[in-house]
């Protein structure tokens, strides 16, 4: 039988959900990377946003574009905080607990 942790990691094989989860609050109990300076031109900023949005269905773009732009302005990077794991601890797990067809894929 799979452990609760392994079952939670199974959510990784689902991909980006059709219905986006609620934006979780930023976890103040863990250290975060320092804010990075944003030295992007308007064209580079637009490219950064379009690069991340290409992974999401078009109907989610309007909401996510504003959210990702705010992440870029606030943290200097787009982290996609909405999709961070909340069902299991964000830590390294044994490679055989990740849902993958081969160890090389699990290691990514």
PDB file of N, CA and C in Angstrom:
ATOM      1  N   UNK A   1       0.822  -1.201   0.000  1.00  0.00           N
ATOM      2  CA  UNK A   1       0.000   0.000   0.000  1.00  0.00           C
ATOM      3  C   UNK A   1       0.859   1.255   0.000  1.00  0.00           C
ATOM      4  N   UNK A   2       0.373   2.263  -0.670  1.00  0.00           N
ATOM      5  CA  UNK A   2       1.106   3.528  -0.751  1.00  0.00           C
ATOM      6  C   UNK A   2       0.890   4.330   0.515  1.00  0.00           C
ATOM      7  N   UNK A   3       1.936   5.011   0.936  1.00  0.00           N
ATOM      8  CA  UNK A   3       1.828   5.877   2.106  1.00  0.00           C
ATOM      9  C   UNK A   3       1.009   7.107   1.754  1.00  0.00           C
ATOM     10  N   UNK A   4       0.537   7.828   2.776  1.00  0.00           N
ATOM     11  CA  UNK A   4      -0.198   9.067   2.550  1.00  0.00           C
ATOM     12  C   UNK A   4       0.632  10.056   1.775  1.00  0.00           C
ATOM     13  N   UNK A   5       1.936  10.084   2.069  1.00  0.00           N
ATOM     14  CA  UNK A   5       2.827  11.003   1.358  1.00  0.00           C
ATOM     15  C   UNK A   5       2.916  10.634  -0.111  1.00  0.00           C
ATOM     16  N   UNK A   6       3.031   9.333  -0.407  1.00  0.00           N
ATOM     17  CA  UNK A   6       3.111   8.898  -1.801  1.00  0.00           C
ATOM     18  C   UNK A   6       1.813   9.209  -2.537  1.00  0.00           C
ATOM     19  N   UNK A   7       0.675   9.048  -1.850  1.00  0.00           N
ATOM     20  CA  UNK A   7      -0.601   9.374  -2.491  1.00  0.00           C
ATOM     21  C   UNK A   7      -0.694  10.866  -2.774  1.00  0.00           C
ATOM     22  N   UNK A   8      -0.205  11.698  -1.865  1.00  0.00           N
ATOM     23  CA  UNK A   8      -0.218  13.141  -2.097  1.00  0.00           C
ATOM     24  C   UNK A   8       0.687  13.494  -3.271  1.00  0.00           C
ATOM     25  N   UNK A   9       1.826  12.844  -3.376  1.00  0.00           N
ATOM     26  CA  UNK A   9       2.722  13.102  -4.499  1.00  0.00           C
ATOM     27  C   UNK A   9       2.087  12.672  -5.816  1.00  0.00           C
ATOM     28  N   UNK A  10       1.117  11.784  -5.755  1.00  0.00           N
ATOM     29  CA  UNK A  10       0.408  11.360  -6.961  1.00  0.00           C
ATOM     30  C   UNK A  10      -0.279  12.525  -7.647  1.00  0.00           C
ATOM     31  N   UNK A  11      -0.559  13.590  -6.907  1.00  0.00           N
ATOM     32  CA  UNK A  11      -1.184  14.762  -7.524  1.00  0.00           C
ATOM     33  C   UNK A  11      -0.267  15.401  -8.564  1.00  0.00           C
ATOM     34  N   UNK A  12       1.025  15.107  -8.511  1.00  0.00           N
ATOM     35  CA  UNK A  12       1.958  15.641  -9.503  1.00  0.00           C
ATOM     36  C   UNK A  12       1.666  15.098 -10.898  1.00  0.00           C
ATOM     37  N   UNK A  13       1.122  13.892 -10.985  1.00  0.00           N
ATOM     38  CA  UNK A  13       0.875  13.290 -12.293  1.00  0.00           C
ATOM     39  C   UNK A  13      -0.385  13.836 -12.955  1.00  0.00           C
ATOM     40  N   UNK A  14      -1.167  14.621 -12.235  1.00  0.00           N
ATOM     41  CA  UNK A  14      -2.396  15.191 -12.786  1.00  0.00           C
ATOM     42  C   UNK A  14      -2.084  16.367 -13.708  1.00  0.00           C
ATOM     43  N   UNK A  15      -1.009  17.072 -13.440  1.00  0.00           N
ATOM     44  CA  UNK A  15      -0.663  18.246 -14.230  1.00  0.00           C
ATOM     45  C   UNK A  15      -1.389  19.469 -13.705  1.00  0.00           C
ATOM     46  N   UNK A  16      -1.509  20.481 -14.530  1.00  0.00           N
ATOM     47  CA  UNK A  16      -2.191  21.715 -14.129  1.00  0.00           C
ATOM     48  C   UNK A  16      -3.689  21.445 -14.124  1.00  0.00           C
ATOM     49  N   UNK A  17      -4.346  21.658 -13.001  1.00  0.00           N
ATOM     50  CA  UNK A  17      -5.777  21.350 -12.925  1.00  0.00           C
ATOM     51  C   UNK A  17      -6.628  22.304 -13.766  1.00  0.00           C
ATOM     52  N   UNK A  18      -7.742  21.790 -14.279  1.00  0.00           N
ATOM     53  CA  UNK A  18      -8.667  22.623 -15.053  1.00  0.00           C
ATOM     54  C   UNK A  18      -9.270  23.706 -14.165  1.00  0.00           C
ATOM     55  N   UNK A  19      -9.567  23.347 -12.936  1.00  0.00           N
ATOM     56  CA  UNK A  19     -10.065  24.330 -11.962  1.00  0.00           C
ATOM     57  C   UNK A  19      -8.897  24.656 -11.037  1.00  0.00           C
ATOM     58  N   UNK A  20      -8.452  25.878 -11.091  1.00  0.00           N
ATOM     59  CA  UNK A  20      -7.282  26.265 -10.303  1.00  0.00           C
ATOM     60  C   UNK A  20      -7.593  26.277  -8.806  1.00  0.00           C
ATOM     61  N   UNK A  21      -6.633  25.848  -7.998  1.00  0.00           N
ATOM     62  CA  UNK A  21      -6.836  25.924  -6.551  1.00  0.00           C
ATOM     63  C   UNK A  21      -6.797  27.380  -6.093  1.00  0.00           C
ATOM     64  N   UNK A  22      -7.299  27.610  -4.890  1.00  0.00           N
ATOM     65  CA  UNK A  22      -7.233  28.949  -4.307  1.00  0.00           C
ATOM     66  C   UNK A  22      -5.767  29.319  -4.092  1.00  0.00           C
ATOM     67  N   UNK A  23      -5.485  30.592  -4.147  1.00  0.00           N
ATOM     68  CA  UNK A  23      -4.125  31.077  -3.911  1.00  0.00           C
ATOM     69  C   UNK A  23      -3.832  30.954  -2.417  1.00  0.00           C
ATOM     70  N   UNK A  24      -2.893  30.063  -2.036  1.00  0.00           N
ATOM     71  CA  UNK A  24      -2.600  29.919  -0.613  1.00  0.00           C
ATOM     72  C   UNK A  24      -1.796  31.117  -0.108  1.00  0.00           C
ATOM     73  N   UNK A  25      -1.901  31.419   1.174  1.00  0.00           N
ATOM     74  CA  UNK A  25      -1.082  32.511   1.697  1.00  0.00           C
ATOM     75  C   UNK A  25       0.394  32.127   1.645  1.00  0.00           C
ATOM     76  N   UNK A  26       1.236  33.107   1.590  1.00  0.00           N
ATOM     77  CA  UNK A  26       2.680  32.856   1.583  1.00  0.00           C
ATOM     78  C   UNK A  26       3.065  32.274   2.933  1.00  0.00           C
ATOM     79  N   UNK A  27       3.823  31.212   2.913  1.00  0.00           N
ATOM     80  CA  UNK A  27       4.193  30.499   4.139  1.00  0.00           C
ATOM     81  C   UNK A  27       5.347  31.223   4.820  1.00  0.00           C
ATOM     82  N   UNK A  28       5.045  31.917   5.911  1.00  0.00           N
ATOM     83  CA  UNK A  28       6.063  32.663   6.637  1.00  0.00           C
ATOM     84  C   UNK A  28       6.945  31.801   7.519  1.00  0.00           C
ATOM     85  N   UNK A  29       6.616  30.506   7.625  1.00  0.00           N
ATOM     86  CA  UNK A  29       7.401  29.629   8.492  1.00  0.00           C
ATOM     87  C   UNK A  29       8.637  29.070   7.798  1.00  0.00           C
ATOM     88  N   UNK A  30       8.771  29.334   6.504  1.00  0.00           N
ATOM     89  CA  UNK A  30       9.937  28.844   5.773  1.00  0.00           C
ATOM     90  C   UNK A  30      10.708  30.021   5.193  1.00  0.00           C
ATOM     91  N   UNK A  31      12.020  29.883   5.061  1.00  0.00           N
ATOM     92  CA  UNK A  31      12.800  30.970   4.463  1.00  0.00           C
ATOM     93  C   UNK A  31      12.503  31.082   2.966  1.00  0.00           C
ATOM     94  N   UNK A  32      12.483  32.292   2.481  1.00  0.00           N
ATOM     95  CA  UNK A  32      12.244  32.549   1.062  1.00  0.00           C
ATOM     96  C   UNK A  32      13.474  33.222   0.462  1.00  0.00           C
ATOM     97  N   UNK A  33      13.610  33.066  -0.833  1.00  0.00           N
ATOM     98  CA  UNK A  33      14.708  33.724  -1.537  1.00  0.00           C
ATOM     99  C   UNK A  33      14.525  35.236  -1.415  1.00  0.00           C
ATOM    100  N   UNK A  34      15.616  35.969  -1.364  1.00  0.00           N
ATOM    101  CA  UNK A  34      15.476  37.431  -1.315  1.00  0.00           C
ATOM    102  C   UNK A  34      14.859  37.954  -2.612  1.00  0.00           C
ATOM    103  N   UNK A  35      14.215  39.097  -2.499  1.00  0.00           N
ATOM    104  CA  UNK A  35      13.614  39.724  -3.671  1.00  0.00           C
ATOM    105  C   UNK A  35      14.703  40.000  -4.701  1.00  0.00           C
ATOM    106  N   UNK A  36      14.413  39.669  -5.932  1.00  0.00           N
ATOM    107  CA  UNK A  36      15.370  39.897  -7.003  1.00  0.00           C
ATOM    108  C   UNK A  36      15.024  41.214  -7.687  1.00  0.00           C
ATOM    109  N   UNK A  37      16.019  41.995  -8.049  1.00  0.00           N
ATOM    110  CA  UNK A  37      15.719  43.239  -8.759  1.00  0.00           C
ATOM    111  C   UNK A  37      15.170  42.929 -10.152  1.00  0.00           C
ATOM    112  N   UNK A  38      14.152  43.665 -10.546  1.00  0.00           N
ATOM    113  CA  UNK A  38      13.535  43.468 -11.863  1.00  0.00           C
ATOM    114  C   UNK A  38      14.090  44.533 -12.800  1.00  0.00           C
ATOM    115  N   UNK A  39      14.882  44.098 -13.762  1.00  0.00           N
ATOM    116  CA  UNK A  39      15.467  45.023 -14.731  1.00  0.00           C
ATOM    117  C   UNK A  39      15.035  44.604 -16.124  1.00  0.00           C
ATOM    118  N   UNK A  40      13.720  44.469 -16.301  1.00  0.00           N
ATOM    119  CA  UNK A  40      13.185  44.037 -17.580  1.00  0.00           C
ATOM    120  C   UNK A  40      12.593  45.218 -18.340  1.00  0.00           C
ATOM    121  N   UNK A  41      12.774  45.193 -19.636  1.00  0.00           N
ATOM    122  CA  UNK A  41      12.072  46.162 -20.474  1.00  0.00           C
ATOM    123  C   UNK A  41      10.610  45.728 -20.539  1.00  0.00           C
ATOM    124  N   UNK A  42       9.749  46.575 -21.056  1.00  0.00           N
ATOM    125  CA  UNK A  42       8.339  46.208 -21.199  1.00  0.00           C
ATOM    126  C   UNK A  42       8.191  44.960 -22.076  1.00  0.00           C
ATOM    127  N   UNK A  43       8.984  44.872 -23.131  1.00  0.00           N
ATOM    128  CA  UNK A  43       8.918  43.707 -24.031  1.00  0.00           C
ATOM    129  C   UNK A  43       9.381  42.440 -23.313  1.00  0.00           C
ATOM    130  N   UNK A  44      10.439  42.545 -22.505  1.00  0.00           N
ATOM    131  CA  UNK A  44      10.930  41.382 -21.757  1.00  0.00           C
ATOM    132  C   UNK A  44       9.917  40.937 -20.697  1.00  0.00           C
ATOM    133  N   UNK A  45       9.280  41.901 -20.075  1.00  0.00           N
ATOM    134  CA  UNK A  45       8.252  41.599 -19.072  1.00  0.00           C
ATOM    135  C   UNK A  45       7.080  40.864 -19.730  1.00  0.00           C
ATOM    136  N   UNK A  46       6.652  41.364 -20.885  1.00  0.00           N
ATOM    137  CA  UNK A  46       5.562  40.721 -21.612  1.00  0.00           C
ATOM    138  C   UNK A  46       5.959  39.307 -22.039  1.00  0.00           C
ATOM    139  N   UNK A  47       7.203  39.140 -22.452  1.00  0.00           N
ATOM    140  CA  UNK A  47       7.691  37.817 -22.842  1.00  0.00           C
ATOM    141  C   UNK A  47       7.705  36.865 -21.642  1.00  0.00           C
ATOM    142  N   UNK A  48       8.147  37.335 -20.484  1.00  0.00           N
ATOM    143  CA  UNK A  48       8.167  36.503 -19.277  1.00  0.00           C
ATOM    144  C   UNK A  48       6.757  36.028 -18.935  1.00  0.00           C
ATOM    145  N   UNK A  49       5.788  36.932 -19.012  1.00  0.00           N
ATOM    146  CA  UNK A  49       4.410  36.563 -18.704  1.00  0.00           C
ATOM    147  C   UNK A  49       3.842  35.607 -19.749  1.00  0.00           C
ATOM    148  N   UNK A  50       4.117  35.852 -21.020  1.00  0.00           N
ATOM    149  CA  UNK A  50       3.588  34.948 -22.051  1.00  0.00           C
ATOM    150  C   UNK A  50       4.256  33.573 -21.962  1.00  0.00           C
ATOM    151  N   UNK A  51       5.522  33.536 -21.563  1.00  0.00           N
ATOM    152  CA  UNK A  51       6.208  32.251 -21.414  1.00  0.00           C
ATOM    153  C   UNK A  51       5.551  31.383 -20.349  1.00  0.00           C
ATOM    154  N   UNK A  52       5.184  31.966 -19.211  1.00  0.00           N
ATOM    155  CA  UNK A  52       4.560  31.165 -18.159  1.00  0.00           C
ATOM    156  C   UNK A  52       3.112  30.846 -18.503  1.00  0.00           C
ATOM    157  N   UNK A  53       2.424  31.757 -19.157  1.00  0.00           N
ATOM    158  CA  UNK A  53       1.009  31.530 -19.467  1.00  0.00           C
ATOM    159  C   UNK A  53       0.799  30.451 -20.523  1.00  0.00           C
ATOM    160  N   UNK A  54       1.801  30.143 -21.310  1.00  0.00           N
ATOM    161  CA  UNK A  54       1.612  29.136 -22.368  1.00  0.00           C
ATOM    162  C   UNK A  54       1.297  27.751 -21.807  1.00  0.00           C
ATOM    163  N   UNK A  55       1.571  27.534 -20.515  1.00  0.00           N
ATOM    164  CA  UNK A  55       1.296  26.249 -19.887  1.00  0.00           C
ATOM    165  C   UNK A  55      -0.134  26.144 -19.360  1.00  0.00           C
ATOM    166  N   UNK A  56      -0.892  27.213 -19.448  1.00  0.00           N
ATOM    167  CA  UNK A  56      -2.240  27.268 -18.897  1.00  0.00           C
ATOM    168  C   UNK A  56      -3.259  27.447 -20.011  1.00  0.00           C
ATOM    169  N   UNK A  57      -4.482  26.940 -19.819  1.00  0.00           N
ATOM    170  CA  UNK A  57      -5.529  27.144 -20.823  1.00  0.00           C
ATOM    171  C   UNK A  57      -5.834  28.638 -20.987  1.00  0.00           C
ATOM    172  N   UNK A  58      -6.161  29.060 -22.193  1.00  0.00           N
ATOM    173  CA  UNK A  58      -6.408  30.486 -22.458  1.00  0.00           C
ATOM    174  C   UNK A  58      -7.454  31.122 -21.546  1.00  0.00           C
ATOM    175  N   UNK A  59      -8.456  30.360 -21.120  1.00  0.00           N
ATOM    176  CA  UNK A  59      -9.492  30.948 -20.272  1.00  0.00           C
ATOM    177  C   UNK A  59      -8.972  31.326 -18.880  1.00  0.00           C
ATOM    178  N   UNK A  60      -7.791  30.870 -18.521  1.00  0.00           N
ATOM    179  CA  UNK A  60      -7.204  31.216 -17.224  1.00  0.00           C
ATOM    180  C   UNK A  60      -6.211  32.377 -17.335  1.00  0.00           C
ATOM    181  N   UNK A  61      -5.887  32.800 -18.541  1.00  0.00           N
ATOM    182  CA  UNK A  61      -4.830  33.793 -18.751  1.00  0.00           C
ATOM    183  C   UNK A  61      -5.101  35.136 -18.088  1.00  0.00           C
ATOM    184  N   UNK A  62      -6.308  35.641 -18.191  1.00  0.00           N
ATOM    185  CA  UNK A  62      -6.587  36.983 -17.662  1.00  0.00           C
ATOM    186  C   UNK A  62      -6.313  37.048 -16.161  1.00  0.00           C
ATOM    187  N   UNK A  63      -6.848  36.071 -15.422  1.00  0.00           N
ATOM    188  CA  UNK A  63      -6.647  36.063 -13.974  1.00  0.00           C
ATOM    189  C   UNK A  63      -5.174  35.828 -13.628  1.00  0.00           C
ATOM    190  N   UNK A  64      -4.566  34.837 -14.277  1.00  0.00           N
ATOM    191  CA  UNK A  64      -3.191  34.474 -13.937  1.00  0.00           C
ATOM    192  C   UNK A  64      -2.186  35.532 -14.378  1.00  0.00           C
ATOM    193  N   UNK A  65      -2.435  36.208 -15.483  1.00  0.00           N
ATOM    194  CA  UNK A  65      -1.504  37.247 -15.939  1.00  0.00           C
ATOM    195  C   UNK A  65      -1.359  38.325 -14.882  1.00  0.00           C
ATOM    196  N   UNK A  66      -2.472  38.742 -14.298  1.00  0.00           N
ATOM    197  CA  UNK A  66      -2.414  39.761 -13.243  1.00  0.00           C
ATOM    198  C   UNK A  66      -1.681  39.225 -12.015  1.00  0.00           C
ATOM    199  N   UNK A  67      -1.959  37.984 -11.664  1.00  0.00           N
ATOM    200  CA  UNK A  67      -1.316  37.361 -10.495  1.00  0.00           C
ATOM    201  C   UNK A  67       0.193  37.209 -10.709  1.00  0.00           C
ATOM    202  N   UNK A  68       0.586  36.729 -11.880  1.00  0.00           N
ATOM    203  CA  UNK A  68       2.006  36.530 -12.163  1.00  0.00           C
ATOM    204  C   UNK A  68       2.741  37.859 -12.298  1.00  0.00           C
ATOM    205  N   UNK A  69       2.079  38.867 -12.837  1.00  0.00           N
ATOM    206  CA  UNK A  69       2.686  40.190 -12.919  1.00  0.00           C
ATOM    207  C   UNK A  69       2.942  40.730 -11.509  1.00  0.00           C
ATOM    208  N   UNK A  70       2.007  40.484 -10.599  1.00  0.00           N
ATOM    209  CA  UNK A  70       2.193  40.926  -9.212  1.00  0.00           C
ATOM    210  C   UNK A  70       3.356  40.180  -8.556  1.00  0.00           C
ATOM    211  N   UNK A  71       3.470  38.873  -8.825  1.00  0.00           N
ATOM    212  CA  UNK A  71       4.610  38.113  -8.296  1.00  0.00           C
ATOM    213  C   UNK A  71       5.917  38.689  -8.829  1.00  0.00           C
ATOM    214  N   UNK A  72       5.943  38.995 -10.103  1.00  0.00           N
ATOM    215  CA  UNK A  72       7.149  39.555 -10.712  1.00  0.00           C
ATOM    216  C   UNK A  72       7.507  40.895 -10.073  1.00  0.00           C
ATOM    217  N   UNK A  73       6.508  41.746  -9.865  1.00  0.00           N
ATOM    218  CA  UNK A  73       6.739  43.058  -9.247  1.00  0.00           C
ATOM    219  C   UNK A  73       7.158  42.927  -7.779  1.00  0.00           C
ATOM    220  N   UNK A  74       6.534  41.994  -7.056  1.00  0.00           N
ATOM    221  CA  UNK A  74       6.766  41.861  -5.619  1.00  0.00           C
ATOM    222  C   UNK A  74       8.049  41.104  -5.297  1.00  0.00           C
ATOM    223  N   UNK A  75       8.288  40.003  -6.014  1.00  0.00           N
ATOM    224  CA  UNK A  75       9.405  39.116  -5.671  1.00  0.00           C
ATOM    225  C   UNK A  75      10.533  39.127  -6.694  1.00  0.00           C
ATOM    226  N   UNK A  76      10.311  39.762  -7.839  1.00  0.00           N
ATOM    227  CA  UNK A  76      11.338  39.795  -8.867  1.00  0.00           C
ATOM    228  C   UNK A  76      11.423  38.523  -9.678  1.00  0.00           C
ATOM    229  N   UNK A  77      10.431  37.664  -9.538  1.00  0.00           N
ATOM    230  CA  UNK A  77      10.432  36.373 -10.215  1.00  0.00           C
ATOM    231  C   UNK A  77       8.999  35.858 -10.241  1.00  0.00           C
ATOM    232  N   UNK A  78       8.664  35.024 -11.202  1.00  0.00           N
ATOM    233  CA  UNK A  78       7.347  34.392 -11.236  1.00  0.00           C
ATOM    234  C   UNK A  78       7.494  32.996 -10.642  1.00  0.00           C
ATOM    235  N   UNK A  79       6.828  32.770  -9.529  1.00  0.00           N
ATOM    236  CA  UNK A  79       6.933  31.494  -8.821  1.00  0.00           C
ATOM    237  C   UNK A  79       5.714  30.595  -8.996  1.00  0.00           C
ATOM    238  N   UNK A  80       4.602  31.103  -9.470  1.00  0.00           N
ATOM    239  CA  UNK A  80       3.350  30.340  -9.576  1.00  0.00           C
ATOM    240  C   UNK A  80       2.936  29.807  -8.202  1.00  0.00           C
ATOM    241  N   UNK A  81       2.924  30.700  -7.218  1.00  0.00           N
ATOM    242  CA  UNK A  81       2.598  30.304  -5.847  1.00  0.00           C
ATOM    243  C   UNK A  81       1.265  29.574  -5.748  1.00  0.00           C
ATOM    244  N   UNK A  82       0.335  29.868  -6.616  1.00  0.00           N
ATOM    245  CA  UNK A  82      -0.977  29.208  -6.571  1.00  0.00           C
ATOM    246  C   UNK A  82      -0.830  27.689  -6.676  1.00  0.00           C
ATOM    247  N   UNK A  83       0.193  27.224  -7.361  1.00  0.00           N
ATOM    248  CA  UNK A  83       0.358  25.789  -7.606  1.00  0.00           C
ATOM    249  C   UNK A  83       1.360  25.122  -6.667  1.00  0.00           C
ATOM    250  N   UNK A  84       1.822  25.859  -5.652  1.00  0.00           N
ATOM    251  CA  UNK A  84       2.782  25.218  -4.751  1.00  0.00           C
ATOM    252  C   UNK A  84       2.081  24.133  -3.941  1.00  0.00           C
ATOM    253  N   UNK A  85       2.814  23.090  -3.567  1.00  0.00           N
ATOM    254  CA  UNK A  85       2.203  21.996  -2.817  1.00  0.00           C
ATOM    255  C   UNK A  85       1.711  22.462  -1.445  1.00  0.00           C
ATOM    256  N   UNK A  86       0.496  22.076  -1.108  1.00  0.00           N
ATOM    257  CA  UNK A  86      -0.033  22.349   0.227  1.00  0.00           C
ATOM    258  C   UNK A  86      -0.529  21.069   0.880  1.00  0.00           C
ATOM    259  N   UNK A  87      -0.595  19.966   0.110  1.00  0.00           N
ATOM    260  CA  UNK A  87      -1.093  18.687   0.631  1.00  0.00           C
ATOM    261  C   UNK A  87      -0.004  17.824   1.240  1.00  0.00           C
ATOM    262  N   UNK A  88       1.225  18.215   1.059  1.00  0.00           N
ATOM    263  CA  UNK A  88       2.349  17.447   1.594  1.00  0.00           C
ATOM    264  C   UNK A  88       3.515  18.400   1.802  1.00  0.00           C
ATOM    265  N   UNK A  89       4.448  18.039   2.667  1.00  0.00           N
ATOM    266  CA  UNK A  89       5.586  18.938   2.925  1.00  0.00           C
ATOM    267  C   UNK A  89       6.427  19.139   1.662  1.00  0.00           C
ATOM    268  N   UNK A  90       6.829  20.373   1.424  1.00  0.00           N
ATOM    269  CA  UNK A  90       7.705  20.653   0.291  1.00  0.00           C
ATOM    270  C   UNK A  90       9.126  20.337   0.743  1.00  0.00           C
ATOM    271  N   UNK A  91       9.546  19.156   0.378  1.00  0.00           N
ATOM    272  CA  UNK A  91      10.859  18.664   0.759  1.00  0.00           C
ATOM    273  C   UNK A  91      11.251  17.571  -0.222  1.00  0.00           C
ATOM    274  N   UNK A  92      12.460  17.122  -0.127  1.00  0.00           N
ATOM    275  CA  UNK A  92      12.886  16.009  -0.975  1.00  0.00           C
ATOM    276  C   UNK A  92      12.217  14.736  -0.461  1.00  0.00           C
ATOM    277  N   UNK A  93      11.777  13.904  -1.382  1.00  0.00           N
ATOM    278  CA  UNK A  93      11.173  12.626  -1.041  1.00  0.00           C
ATOM    279  C   UNK A  93      11.993  11.532  -1.706  1.00  0.00           C
ATOM    280  N   UNK A  94      11.821  10.310  -1.254  1.00  0.00           N
ATOM    281  CA  UNK A  94      12.519   9.197  -1.893  1.00  0.00           C
ATOM    282  C   UNK A  94      12.101   9.139  -3.353  1.00  0.00           C
ATOM    283  N   UNK A  95      13.036   8.879  -4.229  1.00  0.00           N
ATOM    284  CA  UNK A  95      12.755   8.942  -5.665  1.00  0.00           C
ATOM    285  C   UNK A  95      11.659   7.971  -6.076  1.00  0.00           C
ATOM    286  N   UNK A  96      11.548   6.838  -5.395  1.00  0.00           N
ATOM    287  CA  UNK A  96      10.520   5.873  -5.766  1.00  0.00           C
ATOM    288  C   UNK A  96       9.119   6.296  -5.307  1.00  0.00           C
ATOM    289  N   UNK A  97       9.000   7.390  -4.580  1.00  0.00           N
ATOM    290  CA  UNK A  97       7.690   7.896  -4.169  1.00  0.00           C
ATOM    291  C   UNK A  97       7.080   8.839  -5.212  1.00  0.00           C
ATOM    292  N   UNK A  98       7.897   9.323  -6.140  1.00  0.00           N
ATOM    293  CA  UNK A  98       7.384  10.229  -7.172  1.00  0.00           C
ATOM    294  C   UNK A  98       6.704   9.417  -8.269  1.00  0.00           C
ATOM    295  N   UNK A  99       5.532   9.877  -8.740  1.00  0.00           N
ATOM    296  CA  UNK A  99       4.832   9.138  -9.793  1.00  0.00           C
ATOM    297  C   UNK A  99       5.528   9.359 -11.137  1.00  0.00           C
ATOM    298  N   UNK A 100       6.190   8.352 -11.627  1.00  0.00           N
ATOM    299  CA  UNK A 100       6.909   8.459 -12.896  1.00  0.00           C
ATOM    300  C   UNK A 100       7.080   7.066 -13.482  1.00  0.00           C
ATOM    301  N   UNK A 101       7.283   7.008 -14.775  1.00  0.00           N
ATOM    302  CA  UNK A 101       7.478   5.721 -15.443  1.00  0.00           C
ATOM    303  C   UNK A 101       8.923   5.241 -15.368  1.00  0.00           C
ATOM    304  N   UNK A 102       9.854   6.163 -15.063  1.00  0.00           N
ATOM    305  CA  UNK A 102      11.251   5.784 -14.925  1.00  0.00           C
ATOM    306  C   UNK A 102      11.920   6.708 -13.917  1.00  0.00           C
ATOM    307  N   UNK A 103      13.038   6.265 -13.374  1.00  0.00           N
ATOM    308  CA  UNK A 103      13.734   7.058 -12.363  1.00  0.00           C
ATOM    309  C   UNK A 103      14.261   8.373 -12.922  1.00  0.00           C
ATOM    310  N   UNK A 104      14.638   8.385 -14.203  1.00  0.00           N
ATOM    311  CA  UNK A 104      15.132   9.625 -14.804  1.00  0.00           C
ATOM    312  C   UNK A 104      14.040  10.692 -14.785  1.00  0.00           C
ATOM    313  N   UNK A 105      12.823  10.302 -15.098  1.00  0.00           N
ATOM    314  CA  UNK A 105      11.719  11.267 -15.081  1.00  0.00           C
ATOM    315  C   UNK A 105      11.413  11.707 -13.655  1.00  0.00           C
ATOM    316  N   UNK A 106      11.466  10.775 -12.708  1.00  0.00           N
ATOM    317  CA  UNK A 106      11.202  11.131 -11.308  1.00  0.00           C
ATOM    318  C   UNK A 106      12.233  12.100 -10.777  1.00  0.00           C
ATOM    319  N   UNK A 107      13.445  12.032 -11.292  1.00  0.00           N
ATOM    320  CA  UNK A 107      14.511  12.886 -10.783  1.00  0.00           C
ATOM    321  C   UNK A 107      14.360  14.342 -11.241  1.00  0.00           C
ATOM    322  N   UNK A 108      13.536  14.563 -12.248  1.00  0.00           N
ATOM    323  CA  UNK A 108      13.314  15.930 -12.742  1.00  0.00           C
ATOM    324  C   UNK A 108      12.321  16.603 -11.841  1.00  0.00           C
TER     325      UNK A 108
END
